[in-house]
N, C-alpha and C. Protein backbone atom coordinates (compact mmCIF):
# COMPACT_ATOMS: atom_id res chain seq x y z
N UNK A 1 -5.21 131.73 101.17
CA UNK A 1 -3.77 131.60 101.13
C UNK A 1 -3.34 130.33 101.84
N UNK A 2 -3.78 130.15 103.04
CA UNK A 2 -3.39 128.94 103.76
C UNK A 2 -4.47 128.55 104.75
N UNK A 3 -4.33 127.42 105.37
CA UNK A 3 -5.31 126.95 106.33
C UNK A 3 -4.64 126.88 107.69
N UNK A 4 -5.44 127.13 108.70
CA UNK A 4 -4.93 127.00 110.07
C UNK A 4 -4.78 125.53 110.40
N UNK A 5 -3.71 125.21 111.06
CA UNK A 5 -3.57 123.84 111.55
C UNK A 5 -4.41 123.64 112.80
N UNK A 6 -4.32 124.63 113.64
CA UNK A 6 -5.04 124.56 114.90
C UNK A 6 -5.68 125.91 115.12
N UNK A 7 -6.90 125.93 115.53
CA UNK A 7 -7.61 127.19 115.65
C UNK A 7 -7.31 127.92 116.95
N UNK A 8 -6.52 127.36 117.83
CA UNK A 8 -6.25 128.03 119.10
C UNK A 8 -5.36 129.24 118.86
N UNK A 9 -5.69 130.33 119.49
CA UNK A 9 -4.99 131.59 119.26
C UNK A 9 -3.68 131.67 120.04
N UNK A 10 -3.47 130.81 121.03
CA UNK A 10 -2.26 130.90 121.82
C UNK A 10 -1.04 130.37 121.07
N UNK A 11 -1.23 129.63 119.99
CA UNK A 11 -0.09 129.13 119.22
C UNK A 11 0.46 130.17 118.26
N UNK A 12 -0.27 131.23 118.04
CA UNK A 12 0.20 132.26 117.10
C UNK A 12 1.47 132.95 117.60
N UNK A 13 1.68 133.06 118.85
CA UNK A 13 2.85 133.71 119.40
C UNK A 13 4.05 132.78 119.50
N UNK A 14 3.88 131.51 119.23
CA UNK A 14 4.98 130.57 119.36
C UNK A 14 5.92 130.69 118.16
N UNK A 15 7.07 130.03 118.26
CA UNK A 15 8.09 130.10 117.21
C UNK A 15 7.62 129.45 115.92
N UNK A 16 6.86 128.39 116.00
CA UNK A 16 6.41 127.69 114.81
C UNK A 16 5.23 128.43 114.19
N UNK A 17 5.22 128.47 112.90
CA UNK A 17 4.15 129.15 112.19
C UNK A 17 2.86 128.35 112.32
N UNK A 18 1.76 129.06 112.47
CA UNK A 18 0.48 128.37 112.60
C UNK A 18 -0.20 128.20 111.26
N UNK A 19 0.43 128.65 110.19
CA UNK A 19 -0.14 128.52 108.87
C UNK A 19 0.57 127.43 108.09
N UNK A 20 -0.22 126.74 107.27
CA UNK A 20 0.35 125.77 106.35
C UNK A 20 0.31 126.42 104.97
N UNK A 21 1.46 126.64 104.39
CA UNK A 21 1.55 127.32 103.11
C UNK A 21 0.99 126.46 102.00
N UNK A 22 0.39 127.14 101.02
CA UNK A 22 -0.20 126.43 99.89
C UNK A 22 0.79 126.35 98.74
N UNK A 23 2.05 126.61 98.99
CA UNK A 23 3.09 126.57 97.96
C UNK A 23 3.36 125.12 97.56
N UNK A 24 4.07 124.92 96.45
CA UNK A 24 4.41 123.55 96.06
C UNK A 24 5.27 122.88 97.13
N UNK A 25 5.49 121.59 96.95
CA UNK A 25 6.27 120.83 97.93
C UNK A 25 7.58 121.53 98.23
N UNK A 26 7.96 121.52 99.47
CA UNK A 26 9.18 122.19 99.86
C UNK A 26 10.14 121.20 100.48
N UNK A 27 11.40 121.57 100.46
CA UNK A 27 12.42 120.77 101.12
C UNK A 27 13.10 121.65 102.14
N UNK A 28 13.62 121.05 103.18
CA UNK A 28 14.28 121.80 104.22
C UNK A 28 15.73 122.08 103.83
N UNK A 29 16.13 123.31 103.94
CA UNK A 29 17.50 123.71 103.70
C UNK A 29 18.30 123.37 104.95
N UNK A 30 19.60 123.31 104.86
CA UNK A 30 20.43 122.94 106.00
C UNK A 30 20.27 123.91 107.16
N UNK A 31 19.85 125.14 106.89
CA UNK A 31 19.66 126.12 107.96
C UNK A 31 18.22 126.14 108.45
N UNK A 32 17.40 125.24 107.98
CA UNK A 32 16.03 125.17 108.42
C UNK A 32 15.05 125.94 107.58
N UNK A 33 15.52 126.62 106.54
CA UNK A 33 14.64 127.38 105.67
C UNK A 33 13.96 126.43 104.70
N UNK A 34 12.72 126.74 104.39
CA UNK A 34 12.00 125.93 103.42
C UNK A 34 12.21 126.51 102.04
N UNK A 35 12.67 125.69 101.11
CA UNK A 35 12.88 126.11 99.73
C UNK A 35 12.01 125.28 98.82
N UNK A 36 11.43 125.92 97.83
CA UNK A 36 10.66 125.15 96.87
C UNK A 36 11.62 124.45 95.92
N UNK A 37 11.21 123.35 95.34
CA UNK A 37 12.07 122.57 94.46
C UNK A 37 12.57 123.37 93.26
N UNK A 38 11.71 124.17 92.58
CA UNK A 38 12.24 124.94 91.45
C UNK A 38 13.35 125.91 91.87
N UNK A 39 13.23 126.50 93.05
CA UNK A 39 14.28 127.42 93.50
C UNK A 39 15.56 126.66 93.75
N UNK A 40 15.46 125.49 94.29
CA UNK A 40 16.66 124.68 94.55
C UNK A 40 17.33 124.29 93.23
N UNK A 41 16.55 123.94 92.24
CA UNK A 41 17.13 123.58 90.95
C UNK A 41 17.83 124.78 90.31
N UNK A 42 17.26 125.97 90.50
CA UNK A 42 17.89 127.14 89.90
C UNK A 42 19.23 127.44 90.57
N UNK A 43 19.35 127.19 91.87
CA UNK A 43 20.63 127.37 92.54
C UNK A 43 21.66 126.41 91.98
N UNK A 44 21.28 125.17 91.79
CA UNK A 44 22.20 124.18 91.23
C UNK A 44 22.59 124.55 89.81
N UNK A 45 21.62 125.02 89.06
CA UNK A 45 21.90 125.42 87.68
C UNK A 45 22.83 126.63 87.65
N UNK A 46 22.60 127.58 88.54
CA UNK A 46 23.44 128.76 88.61
C UNK A 46 24.89 128.37 88.93
N UNK A 47 25.06 127.45 89.86
CA UNK A 47 26.40 126.98 90.21
C UNK A 47 27.04 126.27 89.02
N UNK A 48 26.25 125.44 88.33
CA UNK A 48 26.76 124.72 87.16
C UNK A 48 27.20 125.71 86.08
N UNK A 49 26.38 126.72 85.83
CA UNK A 49 26.72 127.70 84.80
C UNK A 49 27.95 128.52 85.19
N UNK A 50 28.08 128.85 86.46
CA UNK A 50 29.26 129.58 86.93
C UNK A 50 30.51 128.73 86.73
N UNK A 51 30.42 127.45 87.04
CA UNK A 51 31.56 126.54 86.84
C UNK A 51 31.89 126.41 85.36
N UNK A 52 30.86 126.36 84.52
CA UNK A 52 31.07 126.24 83.08
C UNK A 52 31.78 127.48 82.53
N UNK A 53 31.41 128.66 83.03
CA UNK A 53 32.06 129.89 82.61
C UNK A 53 33.53 129.89 83.04
N UNK A 54 33.79 129.41 84.26
CA UNK A 54 35.17 129.33 84.75
C UNK A 54 35.99 128.39 83.87
N UNK A 55 35.41 127.26 83.48
CA UNK A 55 36.11 126.31 82.61
C UNK A 55 36.41 126.96 81.26
N UNK A 56 35.46 127.69 80.69
CA UNK A 56 35.69 128.36 79.41
C UNK A 56 36.82 129.38 79.53
N UNK A 57 36.85 130.11 80.65
CA UNK A 57 37.92 131.09 80.86
C UNK A 57 39.27 130.40 80.91
N UNK A 58 39.33 129.26 81.59
CA UNK A 58 40.59 128.54 81.70
C UNK A 58 41.02 127.94 80.37
N UNK A 59 40.07 127.46 79.58
CA UNK A 59 40.39 126.92 78.25
C UNK A 59 40.97 128.02 77.37
N UNK A 60 40.35 129.20 77.39
CA UNK A 60 40.86 130.32 76.61
C UNK A 60 42.26 130.71 77.05
N UNK A 61 42.49 130.71 78.35
CA UNK A 61 43.81 131.02 78.89
C UNK A 61 44.85 130.01 78.41
N UNK A 62 44.50 128.73 78.44
CA UNK A 62 45.43 127.68 77.98
C UNK A 62 45.74 127.87 76.50
N UNK A 63 44.72 128.18 75.70
CA UNK A 63 44.94 128.37 74.27
C UNK A 63 45.86 129.56 74.00
N UNK A 64 45.68 130.65 74.75
CA UNK A 64 46.54 131.82 74.57
C UNK A 64 47.98 131.50 74.95
N UNK A 65 48.15 130.83 76.09
CA UNK A 65 49.50 130.50 76.55
C UNK A 65 50.19 129.54 75.58
N UNK A 66 49.42 128.61 75.00
CA UNK A 66 49.99 127.67 74.04
C UNK A 66 50.44 128.40 72.78
N UNK A 67 49.62 129.34 72.31
CA UNK A 67 49.99 130.11 71.11
C UNK A 67 51.24 130.93 71.37
N UNK A 68 51.38 131.49 72.56
CA UNK A 68 52.58 132.26 72.89
C UNK A 68 53.79 131.35 72.93
N UNK A 69 53.64 130.17 73.55
CA UNK A 69 54.76 129.23 73.65
C UNK A 69 55.18 128.70 72.28
N UNK A 70 54.26 128.62 71.35
CA UNK A 70 54.59 128.16 70.01
C UNK A 70 55.12 129.29 69.13
N UNK A 71 55.15 130.51 69.67
CA UNK A 71 55.69 131.64 68.93
C UNK A 71 54.73 132.22 67.92
N UNK A 72 53.46 131.91 68.02
CA UNK A 72 52.48 132.41 67.05
C UNK A 72 52.00 133.82 67.39
N UNK A 73 51.89 134.12 68.67
CA UNK A 73 51.34 135.40 69.10
C UNK A 73 52.43 136.18 69.82
N UNK A 74 52.66 137.42 69.44
CA UNK A 74 53.65 138.21 70.17
C UNK A 74 53.13 138.56 71.56
N UNK A 75 54.01 138.58 72.55
CA UNK A 75 53.61 138.96 73.90
C UNK A 75 53.35 140.46 73.93
N UNK A 76 52.81 140.95 75.00
CA UNK A 76 52.43 142.36 75.07
C UNK A 76 53.64 143.28 74.93
N UNK A 77 54.80 142.85 75.41
CA UNK A 77 55.99 143.69 75.29
C UNK A 77 56.52 143.72 73.86
N UNK A 78 56.18 142.73 73.06
CA UNK A 78 56.68 142.66 71.69
C UNK A 78 55.73 143.28 70.68
N UNK A 79 54.50 143.59 71.10
CA UNK A 79 53.54 144.15 70.16
C UNK A 79 54.01 145.52 69.70
N UNK A 80 53.86 145.75 68.42
CA UNK A 80 54.31 147.01 67.84
C UNK A 80 53.10 147.88 67.54
N UNK A 81 53.30 149.16 67.68
CA UNK A 81 52.25 150.10 67.35
C UNK A 81 52.16 150.22 65.84
N UNK A 82 51.02 149.86 65.28
CA UNK A 82 50.86 149.97 63.84
C UNK A 82 50.55 151.41 63.42
N UNK A 83 50.24 152.24 64.39
CA UNK A 83 49.92 153.62 64.09
C UNK A 83 51.19 154.35 63.64
N UNK A 84 51.09 154.99 62.52
CA UNK A 84 52.26 155.71 61.98
C UNK A 84 52.45 157.03 62.71
N UNK A 85 53.66 157.45 62.75
CA UNK A 85 53.99 158.74 63.35
C UNK A 85 53.40 159.85 62.48
N UNK A 86 52.96 160.93 63.11
CA UNK A 86 52.34 162.03 62.37
C UNK A 86 53.29 162.66 61.36
N UNK A 87 54.59 162.60 61.64
CA UNK A 87 55.56 163.20 60.71
C UNK A 87 55.59 162.46 59.37
N UNK A 88 55.21 161.20 59.37
CA UNK A 88 55.31 160.40 58.15
C UNK A 88 53.97 160.19 57.47
N UNK A 89 52.92 160.83 57.95
CA UNK A 89 51.63 160.74 57.26
C UNK A 89 51.54 161.92 56.29
N UNK A 90 51.93 161.64 55.10
CA UNK A 90 52.01 162.70 54.09
C UNK A 90 50.64 162.92 53.46
N UNK A 91 50.42 164.14 53.00
CA UNK A 91 49.14 164.53 52.43
C UNK A 91 49.30 164.83 50.94
N UNK A 92 48.19 164.69 50.25
CA UNK A 92 48.11 165.10 48.86
C UNK A 92 49.06 164.35 47.94
N UNK A 93 49.80 165.11 47.11
CA UNK A 93 50.68 164.55 46.09
C UNK A 93 51.88 163.84 46.70
N UNK A 94 52.18 164.10 47.97
CA UNK A 94 53.35 163.49 48.60
C UNK A 94 53.07 162.06 49.10
N UNK A 95 51.83 161.61 49.02
CA UNK A 95 51.49 160.26 49.52
C UNK A 95 52.30 159.15 48.88
N UNK A 96 52.57 159.18 47.57
CA UNK A 96 53.37 158.09 47.00
C UNK A 96 54.76 157.98 47.60
N UNK A 97 55.27 159.07 48.16
CA UNK A 97 56.60 159.05 48.75
C UNK A 97 56.58 158.59 50.22
N UNK A 98 55.42 158.26 50.75
CA UNK A 98 55.30 157.89 52.16
C UNK A 98 56.14 156.66 52.49
N UNK A 99 56.16 155.69 51.59
CA UNK A 99 56.96 154.48 51.84
C UNK A 99 58.45 154.80 51.85
N UNK A 100 58.85 155.73 51.03
CA UNK A 100 60.26 156.10 50.96
C UNK A 100 60.73 156.80 52.24
N UNK A 101 59.86 157.65 52.81
CA UNK A 101 60.23 158.41 54.00
C UNK A 101 59.86 157.71 55.31
N UNK A 102 59.18 156.61 55.21
CA UNK A 102 58.77 155.89 56.43
C UNK A 102 59.99 155.32 57.14
N UNK A 103 59.94 155.24 58.47
CA UNK A 103 61.08 154.66 59.20
C UNK A 103 61.23 153.18 58.85
N UNK A 104 62.44 152.75 58.80
CA UNK A 104 62.73 151.34 58.46
C UNK A 104 62.47 150.47 59.69
N UNK A 105 61.71 149.43 59.48
CA UNK A 105 61.39 148.49 60.56
C UNK A 105 61.97 147.14 60.17
N UNK A 106 62.84 146.66 61.02
CA UNK A 106 63.45 145.36 60.74
C UNK A 106 62.53 144.25 61.26
N UNK A 107 62.32 143.29 60.42
CA UNK A 107 61.49 142.16 60.85
C UNK A 107 62.35 141.19 61.64
N UNK A 108 61.79 140.76 62.75
CA UNK A 108 62.50 139.79 63.58
C UNK A 108 62.23 138.39 63.06
N UNK A 109 63.18 137.51 63.20
CA UNK A 109 62.92 136.14 62.77
C UNK A 109 61.81 135.54 63.65
N UNK A 110 61.07 134.61 63.12
CA UNK A 110 59.98 134.02 63.92
C UNK A 110 60.53 133.30 65.15
N UNK A 111 59.75 133.36 66.22
CA UNK A 111 60.17 132.69 67.45
C UNK A 111 60.07 131.18 67.26
N UNK A 112 60.97 130.44 67.87
CA UNK A 112 60.91 128.98 67.72
C UNK A 112 59.75 128.40 68.53
N UNK A 113 59.31 127.25 68.11
CA UNK A 113 58.26 126.53 68.82
C UNK A 113 58.89 125.86 70.03
N UNK A 114 58.49 126.30 71.22
CA UNK A 114 59.08 125.76 72.45
C UNK A 114 58.74 124.28 72.66
N UNK A 115 57.61 123.85 72.12
CA UNK A 115 57.23 122.45 72.29
C UNK A 115 58.18 121.51 71.55
N UNK A 116 58.79 122.02 70.46
CA UNK A 116 59.75 121.23 69.70
C UNK A 116 61.16 121.43 70.25
N UNK A 117 61.50 122.70 70.49
CA UNK A 117 62.85 123.03 70.94
C UNK A 117 63.15 122.49 72.34
N UNK A 118 62.20 122.57 73.23
CA UNK A 118 62.41 122.14 74.63
C UNK A 118 61.53 120.95 74.97
N UNK A 119 61.54 119.97 74.13
CA UNK A 119 60.69 118.80 74.35
C UNK A 119 61.08 118.11 75.67
N UNK A 120 60.11 118.01 76.57
CA UNK A 120 60.35 117.40 77.87
C UNK A 120 60.99 118.33 78.88
N UNK A 121 61.36 119.54 78.45
CA UNK A 121 62.01 120.51 79.34
C UNK A 121 61.33 121.88 79.21
N UNK A 122 60.05 121.89 79.02
CA UNK A 122 59.31 123.12 78.75
C UNK A 122 59.40 124.10 79.92
N UNK A 123 59.65 123.61 81.11
CA UNK A 123 59.71 124.45 82.30
C UNK A 123 60.88 125.45 82.23
N UNK A 124 61.86 125.20 81.41
CA UNK A 124 63.04 126.06 81.33
C UNK A 124 62.73 127.43 80.73
N UNK A 125 61.66 127.55 79.98
CA UNK A 125 61.28 128.83 79.37
C UNK A 125 60.13 129.45 80.17
N UNK A 126 60.14 130.76 80.26
CA UNK A 126 59.09 131.47 81.01
C UNK A 126 57.72 131.22 80.39
N UNK A 127 57.65 131.25 79.05
CA UNK A 127 56.38 130.99 78.38
C UNK A 127 55.91 129.56 78.65
N UNK A 128 56.85 128.64 78.74
CA UNK A 128 56.52 127.25 79.06
C UNK A 128 55.97 127.11 80.46
N UNK A 129 56.54 127.85 81.40
CA UNK A 129 56.03 127.82 82.77
C UNK A 129 54.61 128.36 82.83
N UNK A 130 54.35 129.44 82.10
CA UNK A 130 53.00 130.01 82.05
C UNK A 130 52.01 129.00 81.47
N UNK A 131 52.43 128.33 80.39
CA UNK A 131 51.55 127.35 79.75
C UNK A 131 51.28 126.17 80.69
N UNK A 132 52.31 125.63 81.31
CA UNK A 132 52.12 124.49 82.21
C UNK A 132 51.25 124.85 83.40
N UNK A 133 51.41 126.05 83.93
CA UNK A 133 50.59 126.50 85.05
C UNK A 133 49.13 126.64 84.62
N UNK A 134 48.89 127.17 83.42
CA UNK A 134 47.52 127.31 82.93
C UNK A 134 46.87 125.95 82.73
N UNK A 135 47.61 124.99 82.18
CA UNK A 135 47.06 123.64 81.98
C UNK A 135 46.78 122.99 83.34
N UNK A 136 47.65 123.21 84.31
CA UNK A 136 47.45 122.65 85.64
C UNK A 136 46.17 123.21 86.27
N UNK A 137 45.96 124.54 86.16
CA UNK A 137 44.75 125.15 86.70
C UNK A 137 43.51 124.61 86.00
N UNK A 138 43.59 124.44 84.69
CA UNK A 138 42.46 123.91 83.92
C UNK A 138 42.14 122.48 84.34
N UNK A 139 43.16 121.65 84.46
CA UNK A 139 42.94 120.26 84.85
C UNK A 139 42.37 120.17 86.26
N UNK A 140 42.87 120.99 87.16
CA UNK A 140 42.35 121.00 88.53
C UNK A 140 40.89 121.42 88.55
N UNK A 141 40.54 122.43 87.77
CA UNK A 141 39.15 122.88 87.71
C UNK A 141 38.25 121.81 87.09
N UNK A 142 38.73 121.12 86.07
CA UNK A 142 37.93 120.03 85.49
C UNK A 142 37.63 118.97 86.54
N UNK A 143 38.63 118.64 87.34
CA UNK A 143 38.44 117.62 88.36
C UNK A 143 37.53 118.12 89.48
N UNK A 144 37.79 119.33 89.99
CA UNK A 144 37.07 119.82 91.16
C UNK A 144 35.69 120.37 90.85
N UNK A 145 35.54 121.09 89.75
CA UNK A 145 34.27 121.76 89.47
C UNK A 145 33.32 120.93 88.63
N UNK A 146 33.87 120.21 87.64
CA UNK A 146 33.00 119.50 86.70
C UNK A 146 32.98 117.99 86.90
N UNK A 147 33.77 117.48 87.84
CA UNK A 147 33.84 116.04 88.11
C UNK A 147 34.23 115.24 86.87
N UNK A 148 35.16 115.78 86.10
CA UNK A 148 35.65 115.09 84.90
C UNK A 148 37.08 114.64 85.16
N UNK A 149 37.20 113.63 85.97
CA UNK A 149 38.53 113.16 86.39
C UNK A 149 39.32 112.57 85.24
N UNK A 150 38.67 111.85 84.34
CA UNK A 150 39.39 111.24 83.22
C UNK A 150 40.02 112.29 82.32
N UNK A 151 39.28 113.37 82.04
CA UNK A 151 39.83 114.45 81.23
C UNK A 151 40.98 115.14 81.95
N UNK A 152 40.84 115.29 83.27
CA UNK A 152 41.90 115.92 84.06
C UNK A 152 43.16 115.07 84.06
N UNK A 153 43.01 113.76 84.14
CA UNK A 153 44.17 112.86 84.13
C UNK A 153 44.92 112.99 82.81
N UNK A 154 44.20 113.10 81.70
CA UNK A 154 44.85 113.27 80.39
C UNK A 154 45.68 114.55 80.38
N UNK A 155 45.14 115.63 80.95
CA UNK A 155 45.88 116.89 80.99
C UNK A 155 47.09 116.80 81.92
N UNK A 156 46.94 116.13 83.05
CA UNK A 156 48.08 115.96 83.95
C UNK A 156 49.19 115.15 83.28
N UNK A 157 48.80 114.13 82.50
CA UNK A 157 49.81 113.36 81.76
C UNK A 157 50.49 114.22 80.69
N UNK A 158 49.73 115.13 80.08
CA UNK A 158 50.32 116.05 79.10
C UNK A 158 51.34 116.95 79.78
N UNK A 159 51.03 117.41 80.99
CA UNK A 159 51.99 118.24 81.74
C UNK A 159 53.27 117.46 81.98
N UNK A 160 53.13 116.20 82.37
CA UNK A 160 54.32 115.37 82.63
C UNK A 160 55.11 115.10 81.35
N UNK A 161 54.44 115.02 80.21
CA UNK A 161 55.15 114.84 78.94
C UNK A 161 56.00 116.07 78.60
N UNK A 162 55.47 117.24 78.90
CA UNK A 162 56.18 118.48 78.59
C UNK A 162 57.22 118.85 79.65
N UNK A 163 57.08 118.32 80.86
CA UNK A 163 58.02 118.63 81.93
C UNK A 163 58.34 117.34 82.67
N UNK A 164 59.37 116.65 82.20
CA UNK A 164 59.72 115.33 82.73
C UNK A 164 60.10 115.37 84.21
N UNK A 165 60.71 116.48 84.66
CA UNK A 165 61.16 116.57 86.05
C UNK A 165 60.06 117.03 86.99
N UNK A 166 58.89 117.36 86.46
CA UNK A 166 57.71 117.72 87.25
C UNK A 166 57.98 118.89 88.19
N UNK A 167 58.50 119.97 87.65
CA UNK A 167 58.78 121.17 88.45
C UNK A 167 57.52 121.79 89.02
N UNK A 168 56.44 121.75 88.27
CA UNK A 168 55.21 122.43 88.66
C UNK A 168 54.66 121.89 89.96
N UNK A 169 54.50 120.60 90.06
CA UNK A 169 53.93 119.99 91.27
C UNK A 169 54.90 120.12 92.44
N UNK A 170 56.18 120.00 92.19
CA UNK A 170 57.14 120.11 93.29
C UNK A 170 57.15 121.54 93.85
N UNK A 171 56.93 122.55 93.01
CA UNK A 171 56.86 123.92 93.51
C UNK A 171 55.58 124.16 94.29
N UNK A 172 54.48 123.55 93.88
CA UNK A 172 53.21 123.73 94.57
C UNK A 172 53.27 123.06 95.94
N UNK A 173 53.87 121.90 96.02
CA UNK A 173 53.97 121.18 97.29
C UNK A 173 54.88 121.93 98.26
N UNK A 174 55.96 122.48 97.76
CA UNK A 174 56.89 123.20 98.63
C UNK A 174 56.33 124.55 98.89
C-alpha cells in the first residue's frame, strides 16, 4: 500500500502521517486535506452543472413571464376548468343535446401585448414587473455564475429598453 518514510517507530504517534500514499498526485486543499486531481475536477464539474441547471431554470422562468406579458398564456387565476359539470354529462341518446344544455361560456377578448401597449413603460403592469424581475435575475446569474458578462449586458440593456425610468434597479438599491 505504501512505504515508510522513516523506519523509526517514535514518529508513528506524531501528527504527521508516517506513510507515503501510493495514490495519484495530490493537491492540498485550503483546509490542508489532500485531494486527488480527478476528485477536484469532479467538484468543479458538479458546480458547473449546478450553475447550468440554475441558468436553465431562469431561462424557463423568463420565457413563461414573457408569454404572460404578451397575453399568450392565461395566469393561474384565469385558467378555466375544462372538466364539465356532472349535471351536463349526458348519457346515451341524450348526448347530442349536451351542447344545447351546456352552460354558456363567454369568450374573453385576447389580452393585449404589453410590450407593444406599454413600450418603454413596462413597469406599470404587474406582469411587466414580473418579467423585468425575471430578466434581471437571469442576467445577474449569467454574470455571476457563468462569467458571461457580454450576454448579461445585452439583457440589462433590454431591461432599460422596456423600462426607461429604471424602476427595477432603483427599487433594489433602496
